[in-house]
Full PDB file with SEQRES, HELIX, SHEET, SSBOND, CRYST1, ORIGX, SCALE, CONECT and MASTER records, all heavy atoms in Angstrom:
SEQRES   1 A   41  VAL GLN ARG LEU LEU ASP LEU LYS SER GLU TRP LYS VAL          
SEQRES   2 A   41  SER MET TRP ALA LEU LEU ARG ARG ALA ARG THR LEU GLY          
SEQRES   3 A   41  VAL ILE SER ASP TRP GLN TYR ARG THR LEU ALA VAL GLU          
SEQRES   4 A   41  MET SER                                                      
HELIX    1 AA1 GLN A    2  TRP A   11  1                                  10    
HELIX    2 AA2 MET A   15  THR A   24  1                                  10    
HELIX    3 AA3 ASP A   30  MET A   40  1                                  11    
CRYST1    1.000    1.000    1.000  90.00  90.00  90.00 P 1           1          
ORIGX1      1.000000  0.000000  0.000000        0.00000                         
ORIGX2      0.000000  1.000000  0.000000        0.00000                         
ORIGX3      0.000000  0.000000  1.000000        0.00000                         
SCALE1      1.000000  0.000000  0.000000        0.00000                         
SCALE2      0.000000  1.000000  0.000000        0.00000                         
SCALE3      0.000000  0.000000  1.000000        0.00000                         
ATOM      1  N   VAL A   1     112.535  91.057 109.160  1.00  0.00           N  
ATOM      2  CA  VAL A   1     112.481  90.056 108.099  1.00  0.00           C  
ATOM      3  C   VAL A   1     111.220  89.208 108.241  1.00  0.00           C  
ATOM      4  O   VAL A   1     110.542  88.915 107.248  1.00  0.00           O  
ATOM      5  CB  VAL A   1     113.742  89.165 108.133  1.00  0.00           C  
ATOM      6  CG1 VAL A   1     113.594  87.979 107.188  1.00  0.00           C  
ATOM      7  CG2 VAL A   1     114.981  89.979 107.763  1.00  0.00           C  
ATOM      8  N   GLN A   2     110.880  88.824 109.463  1.00  0.00           N  
ATOM      9  CA  GLN A   2     109.675  88.031 109.671  1.00  0.00           C  
ATOM     10  C   GLN A   2     108.426  88.806 109.308  1.00  0.00           C  
ATOM     11  O   GLN A   2     107.488  88.260 108.718  1.00  0.00           O  
ATOM     12  CB  GLN A   2     109.590  87.565 111.129  1.00  0.00           C  
ATOM     13  CG  GLN A   2     108.373  86.680 111.427  1.00  0.00           C  
ATOM     14  CD  GLN A   2     108.335  85.427 110.586  1.00  0.00           C  
ATOM     15  OE1 GLN A   2     109.318  84.681 110.525  1.00  0.00           O  
ATOM     16  NE2 GLN A   2     107.202  85.165 109.929  1.00  0.00           N  
ATOM     17  N   ARG A   3     108.407  90.100 109.640  1.00  0.00           N  
ATOM     18  CA  ARG A   3     107.243  90.918 109.293  1.00  0.00           C  
ATOM     19  C   ARG A   3     107.100  91.031 107.783  1.00  0.00           C  
ATOM     20  O   ARG A   3     105.980  90.973 107.250  1.00  0.00           O  
ATOM     21  CB  ARG A   3     107.383  92.311 109.911  1.00  0.00           C  
ATOM     22  CG  ARG A   3     106.219  93.250 109.630  1.00  0.00           C  
ATOM     23  CD  ARG A   3     104.907  92.677 110.090  1.00  0.00           C  
ATOM     24  NE  ARG A   3     103.813  93.624 109.898  1.00  0.00           N  
ATOM     25  CZ  ARG A   3     102.524  93.249 109.843  1.00  0.00           C  
ATOM     26  NH1 ARG A   3     102.189  91.975 109.954  1.00  0.00           N  
ATOM     27  NH2 ARG A   3     101.592  94.167 109.670  1.00  0.00           N  
ATOM     28  N   LEU A   4     108.203  91.181 107.064  1.00  0.00           N  
ATOM     29  CA  LEU A   4     108.153  91.234 105.607  1.00  0.00           C  
ATOM     30  C   LEU A   4     107.635  89.916 105.031  1.00  0.00           C  
ATOM     31  O   LEU A   4     106.877  89.912 104.058  1.00  0.00           O  
ATOM     32  CB  LEU A   4     109.535  91.548 105.044  1.00  0.00           C  
ATOM     33  CG  LEU A   4     110.089  92.941 105.356  1.00  0.00           C  
ATOM     34  CD1 LEU A   4     111.543  93.048 104.901  1.00  0.00           C  
ATOM     35  CD2 LEU A   4     109.249  94.040 104.691  1.00  0.00           C  
ATOM     36  N   LEU A   5     108.026  88.817 105.641  1.00  0.00           N  
ATOM     37  CA  LEU A   5     107.540  87.514 105.193  1.00  0.00           C  
ATOM     38  C   LEU A   5     106.032  87.393 105.404  1.00  0.00           C  
ATOM     39  O   LEU A   5     105.309  86.886 104.541  1.00  0.00           O  
ATOM     40  CB  LEU A   5     108.279  86.397 105.933  1.00  0.00           C  
ATOM     41  CG  LEU A   5     107.874  84.959 105.593  1.00  0.00           C  
ATOM     42  CD1 LEU A   5     108.070  84.678 104.107  1.00  0.00           C  
ATOM     43  CD2 LEU A   5     108.678  83.967 106.434  1.00  0.00           C  
ATOM     44  N   ASP A   6     105.564  87.871 106.561  1.00  0.00           N  
ATOM     45  CA  ASP A   6     104.125  87.831 106.835  1.00  0.00           C  
ATOM     46  C   ASP A   6     103.349  88.678 105.819  1.00  0.00           C  
ATOM     47  O   ASP A   6     102.300  88.266 105.310  1.00  0.00           O  
ATOM     48  CB  ASP A   6     103.838  88.337 108.247  1.00  0.00           C  
ATOM     49  CG  ASP A   6     104.392  87.416 109.329  1.00  0.00           C  
ATOM     50  OD1 ASP A   6     104.666  86.241 109.024  1.00  0.00           O  
ATOM     51  OD2 ASP A   6     104.561  87.889 110.472  1.00  0.00           O  
ATOM     52  N   LEU A   7     103.875  89.867 105.522  1.00  0.00           N  
ATOM     53  CA  LEU A   7     103.199  90.754 104.581  1.00  0.00           C  
ATOM     54  C   LEU A   7     103.282  90.218 103.153  1.00  0.00           C  
ATOM     55  O   LEU A   7     102.380  90.474 102.345  1.00  0.00           O  
ATOM     56  CB  LEU A   7     103.807  92.157 104.650  1.00  0.00           C  
ATOM     57  CG  LEU A   7     103.508  92.935 105.940  1.00  0.00           C  
ATOM     58  CD1 LEU A   7     104.266  94.259 105.946  1.00  0.00           C  
ATOM     59  CD2 LEU A   7     102.007  93.182 106.083  1.00  0.00           C  
ATOM     60  N   LYS A   8     104.335  89.498 102.845  1.00  0.00           N  
ATOM     61  CA  LYS A   8     104.441  88.886 101.521  1.00  0.00           C  
ATOM     62  C   LYS A   8     103.261  87.963 101.255  1.00  0.00           C  
ATOM     63  O   LYS A   8     102.669  87.997 100.168  1.00  0.00           O  
ATOM     64  CB  LYS A   8     105.747  88.094 101.421  1.00  0.00           C  
ATOM     65  CG  LYS A   8     105.843  87.222 100.174  1.00  0.00           C  
ATOM     66  CD  LYS A   8     107.096  86.370 100.169  1.00  0.00           C  
ATOM     67  CE  LYS A   8     107.113  85.440  98.960  1.00  0.00           C  
ATOM     68  NZ  LYS A   8     108.372  84.658  98.871  1.00  0.00           N  
ATOM     69  N   SER A   9     102.899  87.156 102.226  1.00  0.00           N  
ATOM     70  CA  SER A   9     101.780  86.233 102.051  1.00  0.00           C  
ATOM     71  C   SER A   9     100.469  86.971 101.857  1.00  0.00           C  
ATOM     72  O   SER A   9      99.582  86.500 101.142  1.00  0.00           O  
ATOM     73  CB  SER A   9     101.682  85.298 103.271  1.00  0.00           C  
ATOM     74  OG  SER A   9     102.848  84.522 103.409  1.00  0.00           O  
ATOM     75  N   GLU A  10     100.349  88.142 102.477  1.00  0.00           N  
ATOM     76  CA  GLU A  10      99.114  88.916 102.372  1.00  0.00           C  
ATOM     77  C   GLU A  10      99.041  89.708 101.074  1.00  0.00           C  
ATOM     78  O   GLU A  10      97.991  89.751 100.415  1.00  0.00           O  
ATOM     79  CB  GLU A  10      98.999  89.862 103.561  1.00  0.00           C  
ATOM     80  CG  GLU A  10      97.750  90.737 103.524  1.00  0.00           C  
ATOM     81  CD  GLU A  10      97.626  91.633 104.742  1.00  0.00           C  
ATOM     82  OE1 GLU A  10      98.376  91.417 105.721  1.00  0.00           O  
ATOM     83  OE2 GLU A  10      96.786  92.549 104.711  1.00  0.00           O  
ATOM     84  N   TRP A  11     100.155  90.347 100.683  1.00  0.00           N  
ATOM     85  CA  TRP A  11     100.133  91.259  99.538  1.00  0.00           C  
ATOM     86  C   TRP A  11     100.557  90.608  98.232  1.00  0.00           C  
ATOM     87  O   TRP A  11     100.415  91.205  97.159  1.00  0.00           O  
ATOM     88  CB  TRP A  11     101.021  92.473  99.837  1.00  0.00           C  
ATOM     89  CG  TRP A  11     100.347  93.427 100.773  1.00  0.00           C  
ATOM     90  CD1 TRP A  11     100.432  93.449 102.140  1.00  0.00           C  
ATOM     91  CD2 TRP A  11      99.435  94.463 100.416  1.00  0.00           C  
ATOM     92  NE1 TRP A  11      99.632  94.438 102.648  1.00  0.00           N  
ATOM     93  CE2 TRP A  11      99.010  95.076 101.616  1.00  0.00           C  
ATOM     94  CE3 TRP A  11      98.943  94.941  99.202  1.00  0.00           C  
ATOM     95  CZ2 TRP A  11      98.111  96.144 101.630  1.00  0.00           C  
ATOM     96  CZ3 TRP A  11      98.056  95.996  99.212  1.00  0.00           C  
ATOM     97  CH2 TRP A  11      97.648  96.588 100.417  1.00  0.00           C  
ATOM     98  N   LYS A  12     101.102  89.398  98.302  1.00  0.00           N  
ATOM     99  CA  LYS A  12     101.495  88.653  97.103  1.00  0.00           C  
ATOM    100  C   LYS A  12     102.540  89.392  96.276  1.00  0.00           C  
ATOM    101  O   LYS A  12     102.483  89.430  95.048  1.00  0.00           O  
ATOM    102  CB  LYS A  12     100.263  88.335  96.236  1.00  0.00           C  
ATOM    103  CG  LYS A  12      99.136  87.649  96.969  1.00  0.00           C  
ATOM    104  CD  LYS A  12      99.563  86.337  97.595  1.00  0.00           C  
ATOM    105  CE  LYS A  12      98.406  85.663  98.319  1.00  0.00           C  
ATOM    106  NZ  LYS A  12      98.832  84.438  99.042  1.00  0.00           N  
ATOM    107  N   VAL A  13     103.499  89.983  96.956  1.00  0.00           N  
ATOM    108  CA  VAL A  13     104.658  90.601  96.314  1.00  0.00           C  
ATOM    109  C   VAL A  13     105.895  90.125  97.062  1.00  0.00           C  
ATOM    110  O   VAL A  13     105.802  89.558  98.148  1.00  0.00           O  
ATOM    111  CB  VAL A  13     104.585  92.143  96.327  1.00  0.00           C  
ATOM    112  CG1 VAL A  13     103.416  92.635  95.488  1.00  0.00           C  
ATOM    113  CG2 VAL A  13     104.480  92.673  97.743  1.00  0.00           C  
ATOM    114  N   SER A  14     107.059  90.369  96.507  1.00  0.00           N  
ATOM    115  CA  SER A  14     108.285  89.894  97.132  1.00  0.00           C  
ATOM    116  C   SER A  14     108.598  90.669  98.407  1.00  0.00           C  
ATOM    117  O   SER A  14     108.157  91.808  98.604  1.00  0.00           O  
ATOM    118  CB  SER A  14     109.463  90.014  96.160  1.00  0.00           C  
ATOM    119  OG  SER A  14     109.839  91.372  95.999  1.00  0.00           O  
ATOM    120  N   MET A  15     109.380  90.047  99.265  1.00  0.00           N  
ATOM    121  CA  MET A  15     109.847  90.715 100.472  1.00  0.00           C  
ATOM    122  C   MET A  15     110.699  91.927 100.098  1.00  0.00           C  
ATOM    123  O   MET A  15     110.669  92.944 100.777  1.00  0.00           O  
ATOM    124  CB  MET A  15     110.647  89.735 101.325  1.00  0.00           C  
ATOM    125  CG  MET A  15     109.826  88.557 101.855  1.00  0.00           C  
ATOM    126  SD  MET A  15     110.846  87.247 102.586  1.00  0.00           S  
ATOM    127  CE  MET A  15     111.476  88.095 104.041  1.00  0.00           C  
ATOM    128  N   TRP A  16     111.447  91.821  98.991  1.00  0.00           N  
ATOM    129  CA  TRP A  16     112.276  92.941  98.546  1.00  0.00           C  
ATOM    130  C   TRP A  16     111.427  94.127  98.120  1.00  0.00           C  
ATOM    131  O   TRP A  16     111.756  95.279  98.407  1.00  0.00           O  
ATOM    132  CB  TRP A  16     113.184  92.496  97.402  1.00  0.00           C  
ATOM    133  CG  TRP A  16     114.252  91.548  97.836  1.00  0.00           C  
ATOM    134  CD1 TRP A  16     114.260  90.184  97.695  1.00  0.00           C  
ATOM    135  CD2 TRP A  16     115.463  91.875  98.526  1.00  0.00           C  
ATOM    136  NE1 TRP A  16     115.398  89.652  98.246  1.00  0.00           N  
ATOM    137  CE2 TRP A  16     116.157  90.664  98.762  1.00  0.00           C  
ATOM    138  CE3 TRP A  16     116.030  93.071  98.959  1.00  0.00           C  
ATOM    139  CZ2 TRP A  16     117.386  90.621  99.410  1.00  0.00           C  
ATOM    140  CZ3 TRP A  16     117.259  93.035  99.611  1.00  0.00           C  
ATOM    141  CH2 TRP A  16     117.932  91.823  99.831  1.00  0.00           C  
ATOM    142  N   ALA A  17     110.322  93.859  97.427  1.00  0.00           N  
ATOM    143  CA  ALA A  17     109.428  94.952  97.018  1.00  0.00           C  
ATOM    144  C   ALA A  17     108.825  95.631  98.245  1.00  0.00           C  
ATOM    145  O   ALA A  17     108.705  96.866  98.292  1.00  0.00           O  
ATOM    146  CB  ALA A  17     108.324  94.414  96.112  1.00  0.00           C  
ATOM    147  N   LEU A  18     108.463  94.855  99.234  1.00  0.00           N  
ATOM    148  CA  LEU A  18     107.918  95.418 100.471  1.00  0.00           C  
ATOM    149  C   LEU A  18     108.969  96.232 101.213  1.00  0.00           C  
ATOM    150  O   LEU A  18     108.672  97.303 101.763  1.00  0.00           O  
ATOM    151  CB  LEU A  18     107.392  94.296 101.360  1.00  0.00           C  
ATOM    152  CG  LEU A  18     106.094  93.633 100.894  1.00  0.00           C  
ATOM    153  CD1 LEU A  18     105.925  92.272 101.553  1.00  0.00           C  
ATOM    154  CD2 LEU A  18     104.891  94.530 101.224  1.00  0.00           C  
ATOM    155  N   LEU A  19     110.205  95.746 101.222  1.00  0.00           N  
ATOM    156  CA  LEU A  19     111.278  96.463 101.896  1.00  0.00           C  
ATOM    157  C   LEU A  19     111.508  97.819 101.223  1.00  0.00           C  
ATOM    158  O   LEU A  19     111.629  98.847 101.901  1.00  0.00           O  
ATOM    159  CB  LEU A  19     112.553  95.622 101.856  1.00  0.00           C  
ATOM    160  CG  LEU A  19     113.803  96.246 102.492  1.00  0.00           C  
ATOM    161  CD1 LEU A  19     113.592  96.501 103.979  1.00  0.00           C  
ATOM    162  CD2 LEU A  19     115.020  95.340 102.259  1.00  0.00           C  
ATOM    163  N   ARG A  20     111.538  97.841  99.900  1.00  0.00           N  
ATOM    164  CA  ARG A  20     111.738  99.106  99.190  1.00  0.00           C  
ATOM    165  C   ARG A  20     110.545 100.043  99.370  1.00  0.00           C  
ATOM    166  O   ARG A  20     110.720 101.261  99.451  1.00  0.00           O  
ATOM    167  CB  ARG A  20     111.990  98.837  97.710  1.00  0.00           C  
ATOM    168  CG  ARG A  20     113.295  98.109  97.467  1.00  0.00           C  
ATOM    169  CD  ARG A  20     113.638  98.022  95.992  1.00  0.00           C  
ATOM    170  NE  ARG A  20     114.803  97.152  95.836  1.00  0.00           N  
ATOM    171  CZ  ARG A  20     114.746  95.852  95.571  1.00  0.00           C  
ATOM    172  NH1 ARG A  20     113.574  95.279  95.391  1.00  0.00           N  
ATOM    173  NH2 ARG A  20     115.846  95.135  95.485  1.00  0.00           N  
ATOM    174  N   ARG A  21     109.360  99.476  99.420  1.00  0.00           N  
ATOM    175  CA  ARG A  21     108.176 100.306  99.637  1.00  0.00           C  
ATOM    176  C   ARG A  21     108.234 100.960 101.010  1.00  0.00           C  
ATOM    177  O   ARG A  21     107.871 102.136 101.172  1.00  0.00           O  
ATOM    178  CB  ARG A  21     106.917  99.442  99.506  1.00  0.00           C  
ATOM    179  CG  ARG A  21     105.599 100.202  99.425  1.00  0.00           C  
ATOM    180  CD  ARG A  21     105.500 101.022  98.189  1.00  0.00           C  
ATOM    181  NE  ARG A  21     104.135 101.475  97.934  1.00  0.00           N  
ATOM    182  CZ  ARG A  21     103.836 102.606  97.319  1.00  0.00           C  
ATOM    183  NH1 ARG A  21     104.800 103.400  96.889  1.00  0.00           N  
ATOM    184  NH2 ARG A  21     102.589 102.949  97.095  1.00  0.00           N  
ATOM    185  N   ALA A  22     108.679 100.217 102.005  1.00  0.00           N  
ATOM    186  CA  ALA A  22     108.797 100.769 103.357  1.00  0.00           C  
ATOM    187  C   ALA A  22     109.776 101.938 103.385  1.00  0.00           C  
ATOM    188  O   ALA A  22     109.539 102.957 104.035  1.00  0.00           O  
ATOM    189  CB  ALA A  22     109.235  99.680 104.332  1.00  0.00           C  
ATOM    190  N   ARG A  23     110.869 101.811 102.651  1.00  0.00           N  
ATOM    191  CA  ARG A  23     111.844 102.909 102.598  1.00  0.00           C  
ATOM    192  C   ARG A  23     111.273 104.101 101.827  1.00  0.00           C  
ATOM    193  O   ARG A  23     111.400 105.249 102.266  1.00  0.00           O  
ATOM    194  CB  ARG A  23     113.140 102.448 101.955  1.00  0.00           C  
ATOM    195  CG  ARG A  23     114.197 103.553 101.887  1.00  0.00           C  
ATOM    196  CD  ARG A  23     115.482 103.102 101.233  1.00  0.00           C  
ATOM    197  NE  ARG A  23     115.293 102.692  99.850  1.00  0.00           N  
ATOM    198  CZ  ARG A  23     116.291 102.371  99.017  1.00  0.00           C  
ATOM    199  NH1 ARG A  23     117.541 102.407  99.444  1.00  0.00           N  
ATOM    200  NH2 ARG A  23     116.048 102.004  97.784  1.00  0.00           N  
ATOM    201  N   THR A  24     110.661 103.848 100.688  1.00  0.00           N  
ATOM    202  CA  THR A  24     110.114 104.928  99.870  1.00  0.00           C  
ATOM    203  C   THR A  24     109.069 105.735 100.626  1.00  0.00           C  
ATOM    204  O   THR A  24     109.004 106.963 100.510  1.00  0.00           O  
ATOM    205  CB  THR A  24     109.485 104.355  98.582  1.00  0.00           C  
ATOM    206  OG1 THR A  24     110.494 103.665  97.839  1.00  0.00           O  
ATOM    207  CG2 THR A  24     108.891 105.459  97.725  1.00  0.00           C  
ATOM    208  N   LEU A  25     108.252 105.057 101.427  1.00  0.00           N  
ATOM    209  CA  LEU A  25     107.192 105.732 102.178  1.00  0.00           C  
ATOM    210  C   LEU A  25     107.691 106.331 103.494  1.00  0.00           C  
ATOM    211  O   LEU A  25     106.911 106.919 104.243  1.00  0.00           O  
ATOM    212  CB  LEU A  25     106.043 104.752 102.456  1.00  0.00           C  
ATOM    213  CG  LEU A  25     105.318 104.211 101.215  1.00  0.00           C  
ATOM    214  CD1 LEU A  25     104.235 103.230 101.622  1.00  0.00           C  
ATOM    215  CD2 LEU A  25     104.736 105.349 100.384  1.00  0.00           C  
ATOM    216  N   GLY A  26     108.984 106.173 103.789  1.00  0.00           N  
ATOM    217  CA  GLY A  26     109.544 106.755 105.000  1.00  0.00           C  
ATOM    218  C   GLY A  26     109.225 105.992 106.267  1.00  0.00           C  
ATOM    219  O   GLY A  26     109.413 106.510 107.376  1.00  0.00           O  
ATOM    220  N   VAL A  27     108.762 104.750 106.124  1.00  0.00           N  
ATOM    221  CA  VAL A  27     108.463 103.938 107.309  1.00  0.00           C  
ATOM    222  C   VAL A  27     109.751 103.468 107.975  1.00  0.00           C  
ATOM    223  O   VAL A  27     109.813 103.326 109.195  1.00  0.00           O  
ATOM    224  CB  VAL A  27     107.577 102.737 106.914  1.00  0.00           C  
ATOM    225  CG1 VAL A  27     107.331 101.822 108.116  1.00  0.00           C  
ATOM    226  CG2 VAL A  27     106.242 103.224 106.345  1.00  0.00           C  
ATOM    227  N   ILE A  28     110.772 103.215 107.175  1.00  0.00           N  
ATOM    228  CA  ILE A  28     112.086 102.851 107.715  1.00  0.00           C  
ATOM    229  C   ILE A  28     113.124 103.808 107.141  1.00  0.00           C  
ATOM    230  O   ILE A  28     112.927 104.414 106.089  1.00  0.00           O  
ATOM    231  CB  ILE A  28     112.468 101.391 107.384  1.00  0.00           C  
ATOM    232  CG1 ILE A  28     112.537 101.177 105.862  1.00  0.00           C  
ATOM    233  CG2 ILE A  28     111.510 100.421 108.035  1.00  0.00           C  
ATOM    234  CD1 ILE A  28     113.060  99.806 105.461  1.00  0.00           C  
ATOM    235  N   SER A  29     114.238 103.945 107.843  1.00  0.00           N  
ATOM    236  CA  SER A  29     115.325 104.816 107.398  1.00  0.00           C  
ATOM    237  C   SER A  29     116.210 104.081 106.398  1.00  0.00           C  
ATOM    238  O   SER A  29     116.110 102.862 106.229  1.00  0.00           O  
ATOM    239  CB  SER A  29     116.163 105.246 108.598  1.00  0.00           C  
ATOM    240  OG  SER A  29     116.830 104.122 109.167  1.00  0.00           O  
ATOM    241  N   ASP A  30     117.100 104.820 105.767  1.00  0.00           N  
ATOM    242  CA  ASP A  30     118.061 104.196 104.859  1.00  0.00           C  
ATOM    243  C   ASP A  30     118.938 103.198 105.606  1.00  0.00           C  
ATOM    244  O   ASP A  30     119.271 102.134 105.070  1.00  0.00           O  
ATOM    245  CB  ASP A  30     118.946 105.259 104.195  1.00  0.00           C  
ATOM    246  CG  ASP A  30     118.195 106.084 103.163  1.00  0.00           C  
ATOM    247  OD1 ASP A  30     117.109 105.655 102.726  1.00  0.00           O  
ATOM    248  OD2 ASP A  30     118.705 107.167 102.798  1.00  0.00           O  
ATOM    249  N   TRP A  31     119.299 103.553 106.838  1.00  0.00           N  
ATOM    250  CA  TRP A  31     120.117 102.634 107.644  1.00  0.00           C  
ATOM    251  C   TRP A  31     119.355 101.349 107.929  1.00  0.00           C  
ATOM    252  O   TRP A  31     119.908 100.240 107.807  1.00  0.00           O  
ATOM    253  CB  TRP A  31     120.524 103.301 108.958  1.00  0.00           C  
ATOM    254  CG  TRP A  31     121.355 102.397 109.836  1.00  0.00           C  
ATOM    255  CD1 TRP A  31     122.706 102.218 109.780  1.00  0.00           C  
ATOM    256  CD2 TRP A  31     120.871 101.543 110.877  1.00  0.00           C  
ATOM    257  NE1 TRP A  31     123.111 101.302 110.721  1.00  0.00           N  
ATOM    258  CE2 TRP A  31     122.002 100.867 111.421  1.00  0.00           C  
ATOM    259  CE3 TRP A  31     119.616 101.274 111.420  1.00  0.00           C  
ATOM    260  CZ2 TRP A  31     121.901  99.954 112.453  1.00  0.00           C  
ATOM    261  CZ3 TRP A  31     119.507 100.350 112.449  1.00  0.00           C  
ATOM    262  CH2 TRP A  31     120.642  99.708 112.965  1.00  0.00           C  
ATOM    263  N   GLN A  32     118.092 101.439 108.301  1.00  0.00           N  
ATOM    264  CA  GLN A  32     117.287 100.237 108.533  1.00  0.00           C  
ATOM    265  C   GLN A  32     117.142  99.416 107.258  1.00  0.00           C  
ATOM    266  O   GLN A  32     117.191  98.186 107.294  1.00  0.00           O  
ATOM    267  CB  GLN A  32     115.902 100.631 109.062  1.00  0.00           C  
ATOM    268  CG  GLN A  32     115.903 101.174 110.479  1.00  0.00           C  
ATOM    269  CD  GLN A  32     114.538 101.717 110.876  1.00  0.00           C  
ATOM    270  OE1 GLN A  32     113.992 102.606 110.213  1.00  0.00           O  
ATOM    271  NE2 GLN A  32     113.978 101.179 111.948  1.00  0.00           N  
ATOM    272  N   TYR A  33     116.972 100.116 106.157  1.00  0.00           N  
ATOM    273  CA  TYR A  33     116.853  99.409 104.882  1.00  0.00           C  
ATOM    274  C   TYR A  33     118.115  98.596 104.598  1.00  0.00           C  
ATOM    275  O   TYR A  33     118.044  97.413 104.251  1.00  0.00           O  
ATOM    276  CB  TYR A  33     116.605 100.417 103.753  1.00  0.00           C  
ATOM    277  CG  TYR A  33     116.676  99.809 102.376  1.00  0.00           C  
ATOM    278  CD1 TYR A  33     115.567  99.195 101.809  1.00  0.00           C  
ATOM    279  CD2 TYR A  33     117.876  99.841 101.643  1.00  0.00           C  
ATOM    280  CE1 TYR A  33     115.639  98.624 100.540  1.00  0.00           C  
ATOM    281  CE2 TYR A  33     117.950  99.273 100.380  1.00  0.00           C  
ATOM    282  CZ  TYR A  33     116.830  98.668  99.834  1.00  0.00           C  
ATOM    283  OH  TYR A  33     116.906  98.101  98.595  1.00  0.00           O  
ATOM    284  N   ARG A  34     119.273  99.229 104.749  1.00  0.00           N  
ATOM    285  CA  ARG A  34     120.527  98.528 104.467  1.00  0.00           C  
ATOM    286  C   ARG A  34     120.729  97.360 105.418  1.00  0.00           C  
ATOM    287  O   ARG A  34     121.189  96.284 105.011  1.00  0.00           O  
ATOM    288  CB  ARG A  34     121.699  99.509 104.558  1.00  0.00           C  
ATOM    289  CG  ARG A  34     121.741 100.541 103.419  1.00  0.00           C  
ATOM    290  CD  ARG A  34     123.069 101.282 103.406  1.00  0.00           C  
ATOM    291  NE  ARG A  34     123.247 102.086 104.609  1.00  0.00           N  
ATOM    292  CZ  ARG A  34     122.850 103.349 104.720  1.00  0.00           C  
ATOM    293  NH1 ARG A  34     122.246 103.950 103.709  1.00  0.00           N  
ATOM    294  NH2 ARG A  34     123.074 104.029 105.832  1.00  0.00           N  
ATOM    295  N   THR A  35     120.379  97.548 106.683  1.00  0.00           N  
ATOM    296  CA  THR A  35     120.539  96.478 107.667  1.00  0.00           C  
ATOM    297  C   THR A  35     119.674  95.275 107.314  1.00  0.00           C  
ATOM    298  O   THR A  35     120.132  94.120 107.350  1.00  0.00           O  
ATOM    299  CB  THR A  35     120.173  96.990 109.073  1.00  0.00           C  
ATOM    300  OG1 THR A  35     121.040  98.080 109.425  1.00  0.00           O  
ATOM    301  CG2 THR A  35     120.307  95.881 110.107  1.00  0.00           C  
ATOM    302  N   LEU A  36     118.419  95.521 106.960  1.00  0.00           N  
ATOM    303  CA  LEU A  36     117.520  94.435 106.591  1.00  0.00           C  
ATOM    304  C   LEU A  36     117.951  93.780 105.283  1.00  0.00           C  
ATOM    305  O   LEU A  36     117.851  92.562 105.126  1.00  0.00           O  
ATOM    306  CB  LEU A  36     116.090  94.957 106.477  1.00  0.00           C  
ATOM    307  CG  LEU A  36     115.407  95.273 107.809  1.00  0.00           C  
ATOM    308  CD1 LEU A  36     114.138  96.093 107.591  1.00  0.00           C  
ATOM    309  CD2 LEU A  36     115.073  93.974 108.552  1.00  0.00           C  
ATOM    310  N   ALA A  37     118.458  94.593 104.343  1.00  0.00           N  
ATOM    311  CA  ALA A  37     118.915  94.037 103.065  1.00  0.00           C  
ATOM    312  C   ALA A  37     120.096  93.094 103.285  1.00  0.00           C  
ATOM    313  O   ALA A  37     120.180  92.025 102.670  1.00  0.00           O  
ATOM    314  CB  ALA A  37     119.296  95.160 102.109  1.00  0.00           C  
ATOM    315  N   VAL A  38     121.019  93.473 104.165  1.00  0.00           N  
ATOM    316  CA  VAL A  38     122.162  92.606 104.471  1.00  0.00           C  
ATOM    317  C   VAL A  38     121.681  91.311 105.117  1.00  0.00           C  
ATOM    318  O   VAL A  38     122.145  90.211 104.778  1.00  0.00           O  
ATOM    319  CB  VAL A  38     123.159  93.338 105.397  1.00  0.00           C  
ATOM    320  CG1 VAL A  38     124.199  92.362 105.945  1.00  0.00           C  
ATOM    321  CG2 VAL A  38     123.845  94.475 104.649  1.00  0.00           C  
ATOM    322  N   GLU A  39     120.739  91.417 106.051  1.00  0.00           N  
ATOM    323  CA  GLU A  39     120.221  90.222 106.721  1.00  0.00           C  
ATOM    324  C   GLU A  39     119.531  89.294 105.723  1.00  0.00           C  
ATOM    325  O   GLU A  39     119.744  88.075 105.740  1.00  0.00           O  
ATOM    326  CB  GLU A  39     119.239  90.624 107.825  1.00  0.00           C  
ATOM    327  CG  GLU A  39     118.689  89.439 108.610  1.00  0.00           C  
ATOM    328  CD  GLU A  39     117.757  89.858 109.735  1.00  0.00           C  
ATOM    329  OE1 GLU A  39     117.585  91.079 109.957  1.00  0.00           O  
ATOM    330  OE2 GLU A  39     117.195  88.959 110.403  1.00  0.00           O  
ATOM    331  N   MET A  40     118.711  89.861 104.844  1.00  0.00           N  
ATOM    332  CA  MET A  40     118.015  89.036 103.859  1.00  0.00           C  
ATOM    333  C   MET A  40     118.987  88.397 102.882  1.00  0.00           C  
ATOM    334  O   MET A  40     118.818  87.240 102.484  1.00  0.00           O  
ATOM    335  CB  MET A  40     116.968  89.885 103.131  1.00  0.00           C  
ATOM    336  CG  MET A  40     115.779  90.250 104.015  1.00  0.00           C  
ATOM    337  SD  MET A  40     114.694  91.521 103.314  1.00  0.00           S  
ATOM    338  CE  MET A  40     114.147  90.730 101.800  1.00  0.00           C  
ATOM    339  N   SER A  41     120.027  89.129 102.512  1.00  0.00           N  
ATOM    340  CA  SER A  41     121.036  88.567 101.612  1.00  0.00           C  
ATOM    341  C   SER A  41     121.761  87.400 102.266  1.00  0.00           C  
ATOM    342  O   SER A  41     122.022  86.372 101.633  1.00  0.00           O  
ATOM    343  CB  SER A  41     122.040  89.644 101.206  1.00  0.00           C  
ATOM    344  OG  SER A  41     121.417  90.682 100.477  1.00  0.00           O  
TER     345      SER A  41                                                      
MASTER        0    0    0    3    0    0    0    6  344    1    0    4          
END                                                                             
């Protein structure tokens, strides 16, 4: 979550958009995506 926040300031997009991009590009697994989504929620 902190890394997404850091990247948000750099890329000027939402943390949610960055999280989905990470999943789409295969940087994180579906399980990691769901875990981070629950934490952010």
